[in-house]
Amino acid sequence: MSETDPLVHWARRAAVKRFDPTRSVPSNQWESILRAIELAPSSYGLQPYRVVEIRDPARRRKLRAACYDQPQLVESDRFLVFAVATDFGKAHLDAHLARTALARGALVETLAAYRTKVIERVLDVLDRPALLAWQARQAYIGLAAAMYQAATLGIDTCPMEAMVLPEVDQILGLPQRNLTAVVGLAVGYRSADEAYSSLPKVRLPREEFFLEL
């Protein structure tokens, strides 16, 4: 693999368990990671999730206790929580249509067919658990975009699902915002003694992993 191949950065990527708390992500590169999340695709372009950055050290210490004492919560330079709306519905859809009309110089009325399609294919057919699961899948696309962008910049990440989500929700005050946490992402630079990321990657043989029909 050539050093100019972007996959070099992805191959170096690892779910870093120990971060160097003395190193900070440059502000312009952090903005680039946020922009990657912002530009990530989502079903019908609805972005049915929110991204919460936890800056307060005290709150991050509380989160560590709710995340099985994982050190990434306090050692990483940045920490994000991807959360979905517990009340996602037609009001969110109509707000998206208003933004679309404004951005594209169109009338909201011209988007009526699009609105009907989303209602008939998503809002009217998915019950609450299924709707939350659908939203979570969109959030994971944003998570992957952040991880890939960070990797291309030589910045480390660790996606974190080992979280007691009801406790995380309470610590972050998410219920008051009609949100519930899905997954976290620690961002920063790996510690010099971080052993996990130096281990060889273990993957299925390609003939088992990629199927042709």
C-alpha atoms as a PDB file:
ATOM      1  CA  MET A   1       0.000   0.000   0.000  1.00  0.00           C
ATOM      2  CA  SER A   2       1.448   3.331  -1.095  1.00  0.00           C
ATOM      3  CA  GLU A   3       1.980   6.062   1.508  1.00  0.00           C
ATOM      4  CA  THR A   4      -0.148   8.318  -0.698  1.00  0.00           C
ATOM      5  CA  ASP A   5      -3.079   5.894  -0.573  1.00  0.00           C
ATOM      6  CA  PRO A   6      -5.758   7.245   1.802  1.00  0.00           C
ATOM      7  CA  LEU A   7      -6.247   3.684   3.054  1.00  0.00           C
ATOM      8  CA  VAL A   8      -2.888   3.988   4.784  1.00  0.00           C
ATOM      9  CA  HIS A   9      -4.575   6.219   7.345  1.00  0.00           C
ATOM     10  CA  TRP A  10      -7.546   3.858   7.681  1.00  0.00           C
ATOM     11  CA  ALA A  11      -5.209   0.895   8.142  1.00  0.00           C
ATOM     12  CA  ARG A  12      -3.456   2.766  10.960  1.00  0.00           C
ATOM     13  CA  ARG A  13      -6.798   3.458  12.630  1.00  0.00           C
ATOM     14  CA  ALA A  14      -7.582   1.567  15.808  1.00  0.00           C
ATOM     15  CA  ALA A  15     -10.140   1.780  18.595  1.00  0.00           C
ATOM     16  CA  VAL A  16      -7.661   3.530  20.874  1.00  0.00           C
ATOM     17  CA  LYS A  17      -8.085   2.662  24.543  1.00  0.00           C
ATOM     18  CA  ARG A  18      -5.574   5.106  26.027  1.00  0.00           C
ATOM     19  CA  PHE A  19      -5.190   8.681  24.823  1.00  0.00           C
ATOM     20  CA  ASP A  20      -2.479  11.250  25.486  1.00  0.00           C
ATOM     21  CA  PRO A  21      -4.293  13.897  27.578  1.00  0.00           C
ATOM     22  CA  THR A  22      -1.537  16.454  26.930  1.00  0.00           C
ATOM     23  CA  ARG A  23      -2.208  16.674  23.185  1.00  0.00           C
ATOM     24  CA  SER A  24      -4.996  18.737  21.655  1.00  0.00           C
ATOM     25  CA  VAL A  25      -6.595  18.435  18.238  1.00  0.00           C
ATOM     26  CA  PRO A  26      -5.945  21.651  16.262  1.00  0.00           C
ATOM     27  CA  SER A  27      -9.105  23.731  15.980  1.00  0.00           C
ATOM     28  CA  ASN A  28      -9.095  23.721  12.174  1.00  0.00           C
ATOM     29  CA  GLN A  29      -8.832  19.925  12.093  1.00  0.00           C
ATOM     30  CA  TRP A  30     -11.560  19.557  14.690  1.00  0.00           C
ATOM     31  CA  GLU A  31     -13.765  21.761  12.530  1.00  0.00           C
ATOM     32  CA  SER A  32     -12.967  19.479   9.592  1.00  0.00           C
ATOM     33  CA  ILE A  33     -14.173  16.446  11.560  1.00  0.00           C
ATOM     34  CA  LEU A  34     -17.387  18.225  12.543  1.00  0.00           C
ATOM     35  CA  ARG A  35     -17.914  19.272   8.939  1.00  0.00           C
ATOM     36  CA  ALA A  36     -17.536  15.643   7.833  1.00  0.00           C
ATOM     37  CA  ILE A  37     -20.342  14.659  10.207  1.00  0.00           C
ATOM     38  CA  GLU A  38     -22.434  17.556   8.940  1.00  0.00           C
ATOM     39  CA  LEU A  39     -21.941  16.466   5.329  1.00  0.00           C
ATOM     40  CA  ALA A  40     -22.534  12.772   5.996  1.00  0.00           C
ATOM     41  CA  PRO A  41     -25.466  11.269   4.116  1.00  0.00           C
ATOM     42  CA  SER A  42     -28.674  10.324   5.893  1.00  0.00           C
ATOM     43  CA  SER A  43     -31.943   8.795   4.807  1.00  0.00           C
ATOM     44  CA  TYR A  44     -33.964  11.411   2.889  1.00  0.00           C
ATOM     45  CA  GLY A  45     -31.340  13.945   4.020  1.00  0.00           C
ATOM     46  CA  LEU A  46     -33.213  14.328   7.312  1.00  0.00           C
ATOM     47  CA  GLN A  47     -30.255  14.127   9.749  1.00  0.00           C
ATOM     48  CA  PRO A  48     -32.533  12.526  12.390  1.00  0.00           C
ATOM     49  CA  TYR A  49     -29.905  12.728  15.133  1.00  0.00           C
ATOM     50  CA  ARG A  50     -27.862  15.282  17.046  1.00  0.00           C
ATOM     51  CA  VAL A  51     -24.208  15.382  18.055  1.00  0.00           C
ATOM     52  CA  VAL A  52     -23.340  16.512  21.568  1.00  0.00           C
ATOM     53  CA  GLU A  53     -19.797  17.578  22.458  1.00  0.00           C
ATOM     54  CA  ILE A  54     -19.005  17.186  26.149  1.00  0.00           C
ATOM     55  CA  ARG A  55     -16.436  19.803  27.157  1.00  0.00           C
ATOM     56  CA  ASP A  56     -17.037  20.036  30.901  1.00  0.00           C
ATOM     57  CA  PRO A  57     -14.377  17.915  32.715  1.00  0.00           C
ATOM     58  CA  ALA A  58     -16.661  17.208  35.663  1.00  0.00           C
ATOM     59  CA  ARG A  59     -19.390  15.897  33.397  1.00  0.00           C
ATOM     60  CA  ARG A  60     -16.889  13.749  31.548  1.00  0.00           C
ATOM     61  CA  ARG A  61     -15.790  12.225  34.858  1.00  0.00           C
ATOM     62  CA  LYS A  62     -19.413  11.380  35.597  1.00  0.00           C
ATOM     63  CA  LEU A  63     -19.733   9.850  32.145  1.00  0.00           C
ATOM     64  CA  ARG A  64     -16.708   7.670  32.810  1.00  0.00           C
ATOM     65  CA  ALA A  65     -18.551   6.122  35.751  1.00  0.00           C
ATOM     66  CA  ALA A  66     -21.533   5.466  33.462  1.00  0.00           C
ATOM     67  CA  CYS A  67     -19.274   3.914  30.813  1.00  0.00           C
ATOM     68  CA  TYR A  68     -17.671   1.118  32.795  1.00  0.00           C
ATOM     69  CA  ASP A  69     -14.769   3.320  33.956  1.00  0.00           C
ATOM     70  CA  GLN A  70     -13.266   3.577  30.476  1.00  0.00           C
ATOM     71  CA  PRO A  71     -10.338   6.056  30.560  1.00  0.00           C
ATOM     72  CA  GLN A  72     -11.083   7.409  27.080  1.00  0.00           C
ATOM     73  CA  LEU A  73     -13.811   9.529  28.642  1.00  0.00           C
ATOM     74  CA  VAL A  74     -11.304  11.722  30.455  1.00  0.00           C
ATOM     75  CA  GLU A  75      -8.072  11.193  28.506  1.00  0.00           C
ATOM     76  CA  SER A  76      -9.259  11.991  24.984  1.00  0.00           C
ATOM     77  CA  ASP A  77      -9.102  15.603  23.863  1.00  0.00           C
ATOM     78  CA  ARG A  78     -12.678  15.614  22.582  1.00  0.00           C
ATOM     79  CA  PHE A  79     -15.699  13.485  23.293  1.00  0.00           C
ATOM     80  CA  LEU A  80     -18.915  13.286  21.296  1.00  0.00           C
ATOM     81  CA  VAL A  81     -22.215  11.584  21.951  1.00  0.00           C
ATOM     82  CA  PHE A  82     -24.518  10.834  19.035  1.00  0.00           C
ATOM     83  CA  ALA A  83     -28.159  11.019  20.125  1.00  0.00           C
ATOM     84  CA  VAL A  84     -31.496  10.535  18.403  1.00  0.00           C
ATOM     85  CA  ALA A  85     -34.745  12.445  18.851  1.00  0.00           C
ATOM     86  CA  THR A  86     -37.314  10.631  20.963  1.00  0.00           C
ATOM     87  CA  ASP A  87     -40.110  12.705  19.423  1.00  0.00           C
ATOM     88  CA  PHE A  88     -39.044  12.530  15.788  1.00  0.00           C
ATOM     89  CA  GLY A  89     -42.025  13.146  13.551  1.00  0.00           C
ATOM     90  CA  LYS A  90     -43.747  15.475  11.132  1.00  0.00           C
ATOM     91  CA  ALA A  91     -42.528  18.638  12.875  1.00  0.00           C
ATOM     92  CA  HIS A  92     -38.922  17.580  12.206  1.00  0.00           C
ATOM     93  CA  LEU A  93     -39.800  16.738   8.610  1.00  0.00           C
ATOM     94  CA  ASP A  94     -41.492  20.109   8.042  1.00  0.00           C
ATOM     95  CA  ALA A  95     -38.514  21.967   9.535  1.00  0.00           C
ATOM     96  CA  HIS A  96     -36.262  20.098   7.108  1.00  0.00           C
ATOM     97  CA  LEU A  97     -38.520  21.003   4.186  1.00  0.00           C
ATOM     98  CA  ALA A  98     -38.413  24.673   5.202  1.00  0.00           C
ATOM     99  CA  ARG A  99     -34.591  24.572   5.267  1.00  0.00           C
ATOM    100  CA  THR A 100     -34.580  22.831   1.891  1.00  0.00           C
ATOM    101  CA  ALA A 101     -36.857  25.428   0.324  1.00  0.00           C
ATOM    102  CA  LEU A 102     -34.735  28.261   1.706  1.00  0.00           C
ATOM    103  CA  ALA A 103     -31.448  26.730   0.551  1.00  0.00           C
ATOM    104  CA  ARG A 104     -32.701  25.933  -2.929  1.00  0.00           C
ATOM    105  CA  GLY A 105     -34.915  28.917  -3.553  1.00  0.00           C
ATOM    106  CA  ALA A 106     -38.023  26.806  -3.850  1.00  0.00           C
ATOM    107  CA  LEU A 107     -41.487  26.943  -2.384  1.00  0.00           C
ATOM    108  CA  VAL A 108     -42.313  24.491   0.392  1.00  0.00           C
ATOM    109  CA  GLU A 109     -45.446  23.579  -1.562  1.00  0.00           C
ATOM    110  CA  THR A 110     -43.288  22.150  -4.379  1.00  0.00           C
ATOM    111  CA  LEU A 111     -41.899  19.597  -1.889  1.00  0.00           C
ATOM    112  CA  ALA A 112     -45.313  18.129  -1.097  1.00  0.00           C
ATOM    113  CA  ALA A 113     -44.657  14.874  -2.953  1.00  0.00           C
ATOM    114  CA  TYR A 114     -41.366  14.450  -1.082  1.00  0.00           C
ATOM    115  CA  ARG A 115     -43.149  15.073   2.226  1.00  0.00           C
ATOM    116  CA  THR A 116     -45.796  12.483   1.421  1.00  0.00           C
ATOM    117  CA  LYS A 117     -43.135   9.929   0.499  1.00  0.00           C
ATOM    118  CA  VAL A 118     -41.326  10.309   3.830  1.00  0.00           C
ATOM    119  CA  ILE A 119     -44.580  10.046   5.753  1.00  0.00           C
ATOM    120  CA  GLU A 120     -45.758   6.974   3.860  1.00  0.00           C
ATOM    121  CA  ARG A 121     -42.406   5.161   3.878  1.00  0.00           C
ATOM    122  CA  VAL A 122     -41.092   6.113   7.311  1.00  0.00           C
ATOM    123  CA  LEU A 123     -43.327   7.944   9.760  1.00  0.00           C
ATOM    124  CA  ASP A 124     -46.542   6.014   9.095  1.00  0.00           C
ATOM    125  CA  VAL A 125     -44.968   2.538   8.895  1.00  0.00           C
ATOM    126  CA  LEU A 126     -42.395   2.482  11.705  1.00  0.00           C
ATOM    127  CA  ASP A 127     -43.470   2.112  15.318  1.00  0.00           C
ATOM    128  CA  ARG A 128     -41.454   3.932  17.975  1.00  0.00           C
ATOM    129  CA  PRO A 129     -38.759   1.245  18.518  1.00  0.00           C
ATOM    130  CA  ALA A 130     -38.307   0.821  14.772  1.00  0.00           C
ATOM    131  CA  LEU A 131     -38.164   4.583  14.250  1.00  0.00           C
ATOM    132  CA  LEU A 132     -35.480   4.965  16.933  1.00  0.00           C
ATOM    133  CA  ALA A 133     -33.513   2.112  15.342  1.00  0.00           C
ATOM    134  CA  TRP A 134     -33.784   3.795  11.930  1.00  0.00           C
ATOM    135  CA  GLN A 135     -32.524   7.069  13.417  1.00  0.00           C
ATOM    136  CA  ALA A 136     -29.640   5.254  15.109  1.00  0.00           C
ATOM    137  CA  ARG A 137     -28.542   3.786  11.779  1.00  0.00           C
ATOM    138  CA  GLN A 138     -28.309   7.320  10.373  1.00  0.00           C
ATOM    139  CA  ALA A 139     -26.252   8.400  13.403  1.00  0.00           C
ATOM    140  CA  TYR A 140     -23.783   5.587  12.743  1.00  0.00           C
ATOM    141  CA  ILE A 141     -23.198   6.958   9.248  1.00  0.00           C
ATOM    142  CA  GLY A 142     -22.183  10.252  10.873  1.00  0.00           C
ATOM    143  CA  LEU A 143     -20.003   8.346  13.336  1.00  0.00           C
ATOM    144  CA  ALA A 144     -18.189   6.588  10.480  1.00  0.00           C
ATOM    145  CA  ALA A 145     -17.688   9.895   8.652  1.00  0.00           C
ATOM    146  CA  ALA A 146     -16.064  11.382  11.761  1.00  0.00           C
ATOM    147  CA  MET A 147     -13.795   8.371  12.224  1.00  0.00           C
ATOM    148  CA  TYR A 148     -12.683   8.366   8.601  1.00  0.00           C
ATOM    149  CA  GLN A 149     -12.008  12.095   8.498  1.00  0.00           C
ATOM    150  CA  ALA A 150     -10.053  11.871  11.746  1.00  0.00           C
ATOM    151  CA  ALA A 151      -7.991   8.984  10.377  1.00  0.00           C
ATOM    152  CA  THR A 152      -7.050  10.926   7.246  1.00  0.00           C
ATOM    153  CA  LEU A 153      -5.784  13.710   9.526  1.00  0.00           C
ATOM    154  CA  GLY A 154      -3.724  11.338  11.679  1.00  0.00           C
ATOM    155  CA  ILE A 155      -6.117  11.784  14.597  1.00  0.00           C
ATOM    156  CA  ASP A 156      -7.204   8.811  16.683  1.00  0.00           C
ATOM    157  CA  THR A 157     -10.715   7.802  17.684  1.00  0.00           C
ATOM    158  CA  CYS A 158     -12.532   5.204  19.710  1.00  0.00           C
ATOM    159  CA  PRO A 159     -16.215   4.515  19.061  1.00  0.00           C
ATOM    160  CA  MET A 160     -17.893   3.598  22.347  1.00  0.00           C
ATOM    161  CA  GLU A 161     -21.056   1.556  22.738  1.00  0.00           C
ATOM    162  CA  ALA A 162     -20.188   0.273  26.235  1.00  0.00           C
ATOM    163  CA  MET A 163     -22.313   2.924  27.882  1.00  0.00           C
ATOM    164  CA  VAL A 164     -25.193   2.687  30.335  1.00  0.00           C
ATOM    165  CA  LEU A 165     -27.379   4.789  28.088  1.00  0.00           C
ATOM    166  CA  PRO A 166     -30.100   5.804  30.585  1.00  0.00           C
ATOM    167  CA  GLU A 167     -27.370   7.093  32.919  1.00  0.00           C
ATOM    168  CA  VAL A 168     -25.653   8.909  30.045  1.00  0.00           C
ATOM    169  CA  ASP A 169     -28.969  10.528  29.135  1.00  0.00           C
ATOM    170  CA  GLN A 170     -29.431  11.812  32.670  1.00  0.00           C
ATOM    171  CA  ILE A 171     -25.870  13.116  33.040  1.00  0.00           C
ATOM    172  CA  LEU A 172     -26.181  15.065  29.786  1.00  0.00           C
ATOM    173  CA  GLY A 173     -29.746  16.228  30.387  1.00  0.00           C
ATOM    174  CA  LEU A 174     -30.849  14.682  27.110  1.00  0.00           C
ATOM    175  CA  PRO A 175     -34.459  13.879  28.090  1.00  0.00           C
ATOM    176  CA  GLN A 176     -35.116  17.602  28.502  1.00  0.00           C
ATOM    177  CA  ARG A 177     -34.083  18.017  24.878  1.00  0.00           C
ATOM    178  CA  ASN A 178     -36.164  15.035  23.711  1.00  0.00           C
ATOM    179  CA  LEU A 179     -32.978  13.132  22.905  1.00  0.00           C
ATOM    180  CA  THR A 180     -31.522   9.768  23.872  1.00  0.00           C
ATOM    181  CA  ALA A 181     -27.901   8.679  23.465  1.00  0.00           C
ATOM    182  CA  VAL A 182     -26.864   6.024  20.953  1.00  0.00           C
ATOM    183  CA  VAL A 183     -23.058   5.891  20.838  1.00  0.00           C
ATOM    184  CA  GLY A 184     -20.023   7.891  21.907  1.00  0.00           C
ATOM    185  CA  LEU A 185     -16.806   8.840  20.135  1.00  0.00           C
ATOM    186  CA  ALA A 186     -13.516   9.721  21.830  1.00  0.00           C
ATOM    187  CA  VAL A 187     -11.172  11.820  19.670  1.00  0.00           C
ATOM    188  CA  GLY A 188      -7.526  12.710  20.251  1.00  0.00           C
ATOM    189  CA  TYR A 189      -4.072  11.185  20.001  1.00  0.00           C
ATOM    190  CA  ARG A 190      -3.057   7.758  21.217  1.00  0.00           C
ATOM    191  CA  SER A 191      -0.809   7.479  24.247  1.00  0.00           C
ATOM    192  CA  ALA A 192       2.792   6.407  23.642  1.00  0.00           C
ATOM    193  CA  ASP A 193       2.164   3.287  25.723  1.00  0.00           C
ATOM    194  CA  GLU A 194      -1.146   2.433  24.063  1.00  0.00           C
ATOM    195  CA  ALA A 195      -0.648  -1.268  23.341  1.00  0.00           C
ATOM    196  CA  TYR A 196      -3.947  -2.189  21.724  1.00  0.00           C
ATOM    197  CA  SER A 197      -3.489  -0.126  18.556  1.00  0.00           C
ATOM    198  CA  SER A 198      -0.150  -1.784  17.744  1.00  0.00           C
ATOM    199  CA  LEU A 199      -1.644  -5.273  17.520  1.00  0.00           C
ATOM    200  CA  PRO A 200      -2.142  -6.795  14.046  1.00  0.00           C
ATOM    201  CA  LYS A 201      -5.659  -6.376  12.713  1.00  0.00           C
ATOM    202  CA  VAL A 202      -7.686  -9.577  12.557  1.00  0.00           C
ATOM    203  CA  ARG A 203     -10.232  -9.817   9.768  1.00  0.00           C
ATOM    204  CA  LEU A 204     -12.155 -12.549   7.991  1.00  0.00           C
ATOM    205  CA  PRO A 205     -10.588 -13.975   4.818  1.00  0.00           C
ATOM    206  CA  ARG A 206     -11.831 -11.884   1.901  1.00  0.00           C
ATOM    207  CA  GLU A 207     -13.460 -14.911   0.252  1.00  0.00           C
ATOM    208  CA  GLU A 208     -15.625 -15.321   3.356  1.00  0.00           C
ATOM    209  CA  PHE A 209     -16.304 -11.654   3.919  1.00  0.00           C
ATOM    210  CA  PHE A 210     -17.116 -10.504   0.360  1.00  0.00           C
ATOM    211  CA  LEU A 211     -19.829 -12.500  -1.354  1.00  0.00           C
ATOM    212  CA  GLU A 212     -20.604 -12.474  -5.059  1.00  0.00           C
ATOM    213  CA  LEU A 213     -24.015 -13.407  -6.436  1.00  0.00           C
END
